[in-house]
């Protein structure tokens, strides 16, 4: 299966906030999205973790 589960972690407070899937064939590198962090109370950059 090409889609894998990934965990997104806030770059400021290091809290794991989001769980999503991504297509490994199209995006083999780690993804980065701006998402809302409830601990930081604002939109912050979230990076993929293992």
N, C-alpha and C. Protein backbone atom coordinates (compact mmCIF):
# COMPACT_ATOMS: atom_id res chain seq x y z
N UNK A 1 0.83 -1.18 0.00
CA UNK A 1 0.00 0.00 0.00
C UNK A 1 0.88 1.25 0.00
N UNK A 2 0.53 2.24 -0.79
CA UNK A 2 1.37 3.42 -0.95
C UNK A 2 1.17 4.44 0.17
N UNK A 3 0.01 4.44 0.82
CA UNK A 3 -0.25 5.44 1.86
C UNK A 3 0.17 4.90 3.23
N UNK A 4 0.91 5.73 3.97
CA UNK A 4 1.37 5.36 5.30
C UNK A 4 0.88 6.38 6.32
N UNK A 5 0.74 5.92 7.56
CA UNK A 5 0.33 6.81 8.64
C UNK A 5 1.53 7.63 9.10
N UNK A 6 1.32 8.91 9.35
CA UNK A 6 2.37 9.79 9.85
C UNK A 6 1.84 10.58 11.04
N UNK A 7 2.75 11.00 11.90
CA UNK A 7 2.43 11.80 13.08
C UNK A 7 3.06 13.17 12.87
N UNK A 8 2.28 14.23 13.11
CA UNK A 8 2.79 15.59 12.97
C UNK A 8 3.06 16.17 14.35
N UNK A 9 4.26 16.75 14.51
CA UNK A 9 4.71 17.29 15.79
C UNK A 9 4.98 18.78 15.66
N UNK A 10 4.55 19.56 16.63
CA UNK A 10 4.79 21.00 16.64
C UNK A 10 6.29 21.28 16.80
N UNK A 11 6.80 22.21 16.02
CA UNK A 11 8.23 22.52 16.09
C UNK A 11 8.58 23.37 17.30
N UNK A 12 7.60 24.07 17.89
CA UNK A 12 7.88 24.93 19.05
C UNK A 12 7.83 24.16 20.37
N UNK A 13 6.70 23.49 20.62
CA UNK A 13 6.53 22.84 21.92
C UNK A 13 6.77 21.33 21.87
N UNK A 14 7.01 20.76 20.68
CA UNK A 14 7.31 19.33 20.48
C UNK A 14 6.16 18.41 20.87
N UNK A 15 4.93 18.92 20.87
CA UNK A 15 3.77 18.08 21.17
C UNK A 15 3.25 17.45 19.90
N UNK A 16 2.89 16.18 19.96
CA UNK A 16 2.35 15.46 18.80
C UNK A 16 0.85 15.69 18.76
N UNK A 17 0.40 16.47 17.77
CA UNK A 17 -0.99 16.90 17.74
C UNK A 17 -1.84 16.20 16.69
N UNK A 18 -1.28 15.84 15.55
CA UNK A 18 -2.07 15.36 14.42
C UNK A 18 -1.56 14.03 13.91
N UNK A 19 -2.50 13.17 13.49
CA UNK A 19 -2.21 11.90 12.85
C UNK A 19 -2.89 11.91 11.49
N UNK A 20 -2.16 11.62 10.43
CA UNK A 20 -2.71 11.68 9.08
C UNK A 20 -2.01 10.63 8.22
N UNK A 21 -2.36 10.58 6.94
CA UNK A 21 -1.71 9.67 6.01
C UNK A 21 -1.11 10.47 4.87
N UNK A 22 -0.12 9.87 4.22
CA UNK A 22 0.49 10.53 3.06
C UNK A 22 0.91 9.47 2.05
N UNK A 23 1.03 9.87 0.82
CA UNK A 23 1.45 9.00 -0.26
C UNK A 23 2.98 8.99 -0.32
N UNK A 24 3.58 7.86 0.01
CA UNK A 24 5.05 7.75 0.07
C UNK A 24 5.69 7.84 -1.31
N UNK A 25 4.97 7.45 -2.36
CA UNK A 25 5.54 7.50 -3.71
C UNK A 25 5.66 8.93 -4.20
N UNK A 26 4.68 9.78 -3.92
CA UNK A 26 4.72 11.17 -4.37
C UNK A 26 5.58 12.05 -3.48
N UNK A 27 5.59 11.75 -2.15
CA UNK A 27 6.31 12.57 -1.19
C UNK A 27 7.21 11.70 -0.30
N UNK A 28 8.36 11.27 -0.82
CA UNK A 28 9.23 10.42 0.00
C UNK A 28 9.90 11.18 1.15
N UNK A 29 10.05 12.50 1.03
CA UNK A 29 10.66 13.29 2.09
C UNK A 29 9.62 13.58 3.18
N UNK A 30 10.07 14.08 4.31
CA UNK A 30 9.17 14.38 5.43
C UNK A 30 8.35 15.63 5.11
N UNK A 31 7.08 15.60 5.49
CA UNK A 31 6.18 16.71 5.19
C UNK A 31 6.21 17.75 6.30
N UNK A 32 5.89 18.98 5.94
CA UNK A 32 5.78 20.09 6.90
C UNK A 32 4.53 20.87 6.55
N UNK A 33 3.65 21.05 7.54
CA UNK A 33 2.42 21.80 7.34
C UNK A 33 2.24 22.78 8.47
N UNK A 34 1.59 23.92 8.19
CA UNK A 34 1.19 24.85 9.23
C UNK A 34 -0.16 24.42 9.75
N UNK A 35 -0.22 24.04 11.02
CA UNK A 35 -1.45 23.55 11.64
C UNK A 35 -1.64 24.28 12.97
N UNK A 36 -2.85 24.21 13.51
CA UNK A 36 -3.16 24.83 14.79
C UNK A 36 -2.64 23.98 15.93
N UNK A 37 -1.91 24.60 16.84
CA UNK A 37 -1.40 23.91 18.02
C UNK A 37 -2.17 24.43 19.24
N UNK A 38 -2.94 23.56 19.91
CA UNK A 38 -3.71 24.03 21.07
C UNK A 38 -2.84 24.40 22.26
N UNK A 39 -1.67 23.82 22.38
CA UNK A 39 -0.78 24.14 23.51
C UNK A 39 -0.13 25.51 23.32
N UNK A 40 0.28 25.82 22.07
CA UNK A 40 0.88 27.13 21.76
C UNK A 40 -0.19 28.20 21.50
N UNK A 41 -1.43 27.76 21.26
CA UNK A 41 -2.55 28.64 21.00
C UNK A 41 -2.33 29.47 19.74
N UNK A 42 -1.94 28.80 18.67
CA UNK A 42 -1.74 29.49 17.41
C UNK A 42 -1.33 28.52 16.31
N UNK A 43 -1.27 29.03 15.08
CA UNK A 43 -0.84 28.22 13.95
C UNK A 43 0.68 28.17 13.91
N UNK A 44 1.22 26.97 14.00
CA UNK A 44 2.67 26.74 14.02
C UNK A 44 3.04 25.69 12.98
N UNK A 45 4.30 25.62 12.66
CA UNK A 45 4.80 24.64 11.71
C UNK A 45 4.84 23.27 12.39
N UNK A 46 4.27 22.26 11.73
CA UNK A 46 4.27 20.88 12.24
C UNK A 46 5.06 20.03 11.26
N UNK A 47 5.97 19.20 11.78
CA UNK A 47 6.79 18.33 10.95
C UNK A 47 6.45 16.88 11.23
N UNK A 48 6.71 16.05 10.23
CA UNK A 48 6.46 14.62 10.35
C UNK A 48 7.49 13.98 11.27
N UNK A 49 7.04 13.11 12.16
CA UNK A 49 7.92 12.35 13.05
C UNK A 49 7.66 10.87 12.84
N UNK A 50 8.52 10.04 13.42
CA UNK A 50 8.33 8.60 13.32
C UNK A 50 7.62 8.08 14.54
